[in-house]
Protein backbone atom coordinates (compact mmCIF):
# COMPACT_ATOMS: atom_id res chain seq x y z
CA MET A 1 -39.68 -0.68 -12.20
CA VAL A 2 -40.03 1.16 -8.90
CA GLU A 3 -40.67 -2.06 -6.99
CA GLY A 4 -37.70 -3.67 -8.74
CA LEU A 5 -35.53 -0.64 -8.03
CA GLU A 6 -36.59 -0.61 -4.38
CA MET A 7 -35.75 -4.30 -4.03
CA THR A 8 -32.37 -3.72 -5.66
CA CYS A 9 -31.68 -0.82 -3.30
CA PHE A 10 -32.59 -2.92 -0.29
CA GLN A 11 -30.17 -5.61 -1.49
CA ILE A 12 -27.42 -3.00 -1.56
CA ILE A 13 -28.37 -1.52 1.82
CA SER A 14 -28.68 -4.91 3.51
CA ASN A 15 -25.37 -6.29 2.28
CA VAL A 16 -23.24 -3.20 2.77
CA GLY A 17 -24.85 -2.54 6.16
CA ALA A 18 -23.87 -6.02 7.26
CA ALA A 19 -20.39 -5.44 5.82
CA ARG A 20 -20.01 -2.22 7.81
CA SER A 21 -21.09 -4.03 10.98
CA SER A 22 -18.50 -6.72 10.28
CA TYR A 23 -15.78 -4.09 9.86
CA ILE A 24 -16.74 -2.48 13.18
CA GLU A 25 -16.68 -5.89 14.86
CA GLY A 26 -13.20 -6.39 13.42
CA ILE A 27 -12.03 -3.18 15.07
CA GLN A 28 -13.48 -4.32 18.38
CA LYS A 29 -11.77 -7.70 18.10
CA ALA A 30 -8.45 -6.03 17.32
CA LYS A 31 -8.83 -3.75 20.31
CA ALA A 32 -9.23 -6.88 22.44
CA GLY A 33 -6.12 -8.43 20.86
CA ASP A 34 -7.94 -10.97 18.67
CA PHE A 35 -6.23 -10.19 15.39
CA ASP A 36 -7.18 -13.45 13.66
CA GLY A 37 -10.81 -12.76 14.53
CA ALA A 38 -10.43 -9.18 13.33
CA ARG A 39 -9.08 -10.31 9.96
CA LYS A 40 -11.92 -12.82 9.61
CA CYS A 41 -14.41 -10.02 10.22
CA ILE A 42 -12.77 -7.94 7.49
CA GLU A 43 -12.88 -10.91 5.09
CA GLU A 44 -16.54 -11.58 5.86
CA GLY A 45 -17.33 -7.90 5.49
CA GLN A 46 -15.57 -7.80 2.14
CA LYS A 47 -17.69 -10.70 0.85
CA LEU A 48 -20.88 -8.91 1.88
CA PHE A 49 -19.64 -5.61 0.48
CA LEU A 50 -18.90 -7.20 -2.89
CA VAL A 51 -22.46 -8.51 -3.15
CA GLY A 52 -23.82 -5.01 -2.56
CA HIS A 53 -21.25 -3.50 -4.90
CA GLU A 54 -22.13 -5.94 -7.69
CA VAL A 55 -25.83 -5.10 -7.39
CA HIS A 56 -24.96 -1.39 -7.51
CA PHE A 57 -22.69 -1.94 -10.51
CA GLU A 58 -25.55 -3.67 -12.37
CA LEU A 59 -27.65 -0.52 -11.95
CA ILE A 60 -24.84 1.61 -13.31
CA GLN A 61 -24.39 -0.71 -16.30
CA LYS A 62 -28.11 -0.56 -17.09
CA GLU A 63 -28.09 3.21 -17.01
CA ALA A 64 -24.95 3.32 -19.17
CA GLN A 65 -26.76 1.15 -21.72
CA GLY A 66 -29.63 3.64 -21.86
CA VAL A 67 -32.05 1.76 -19.61
CA GLU A 68 -33.97 4.19 -17.41
CA VAL A 69 -33.13 3.16 -13.85
CA GLY A 70 -34.88 6.02 -12.12
CA GLY A 71 -33.85 7.90 -9.07
CA SER A 72 -35.21 7.96 -5.58
CA LEU A 73 -34.31 8.79 -2.05
CA ILE A 74 -33.87 5.08 -1.37
CA LEU A 75 -31.32 4.81 -4.21
CA VAL A 76 -29.40 7.76 -2.79
CA HIS A 77 -29.48 6.06 0.62
CA ALA A 78 -28.23 2.79 -0.90
CA GLU A 79 -25.32 4.59 -2.55
CA ASP A 80 -24.55 6.43 0.68
CA GLN A 81 -24.47 3.15 2.58
CA LEU A 82 -22.21 1.63 -0.09
CA MET A 83 -19.68 4.44 0.22
CA SER A 84 -19.91 4.45 4.02
CA ALA A 85 -19.14 0.74 4.18
CA GLU A 86 -16.17 1.17 1.88
CA SER A 87 -14.82 3.94 4.11
CA PHE A 88 -15.35 1.82 7.22
CA LYS A 89 -13.32 -0.99 5.67
CA ILE A 90 -10.38 1.32 5.09
CA ILE A 91 -10.61 2.70 8.62
CA ALA A 92 -11.00 -0.78 10.12
CA GLU A 93 -7.92 -2.10 8.34
CA GLU A 94 -5.88 0.86 9.56
CA MET A 95 -7.15 0.53 13.13
CA ILE A 96 -6.46 -3.20 13.23
CA ALA A 97 -2.89 -2.56 12.10
CA SER A 98 -2.54 0.17 14.73
CA TYR A 99 -3.88 -2.06 17.51
CA GLU A 100 -1.45 -4.78 16.45
CA ARG A 101 1.44 -2.36 16.81
CA ILE A 102 0.17 -1.00 20.13
CA ILE A 103 -0.27 -4.42 21.68
CA GLU A 104 3.09 -5.58 20.32
CA LEU A 105 4.78 -2.56 21.89
CA GLU A 106 2.91 -3.04 25.18
CA ASN A 107 4.06 -6.66 25.27
CA LYS A 108 7.66 -5.61 24.68
CA LEU A 109 7.45 -3.07 27.52
CA GLU A 110 5.95 -5.63 29.89
CA ASN A 111 8.69 -8.16 29.09
CA LYS A 112 11.54 -5.78 29.85
């Protein structure tokens, strides 16, 4: 089971790590004024996050059904990465909206 659990954890870590990177890229695109690109990064990140979340949810379901899942440092890391990616998504969405407002206001000031 340990090998299976490790593989499952790496699936979570890989997908949510890629999601977090996509969210950060979205923030960078928004800062540069590419809001369509920023939204695409958030959408792509969400797809990756959901894969990791589904794998994590399967572990929780197994444990709820009485199946011994086991615990390890790698599982704790996987869960930490999952929560970190979720937090980054929230922050990225807020920052993209803020950059939109900033650039819109800057454009209005320049056109006066």
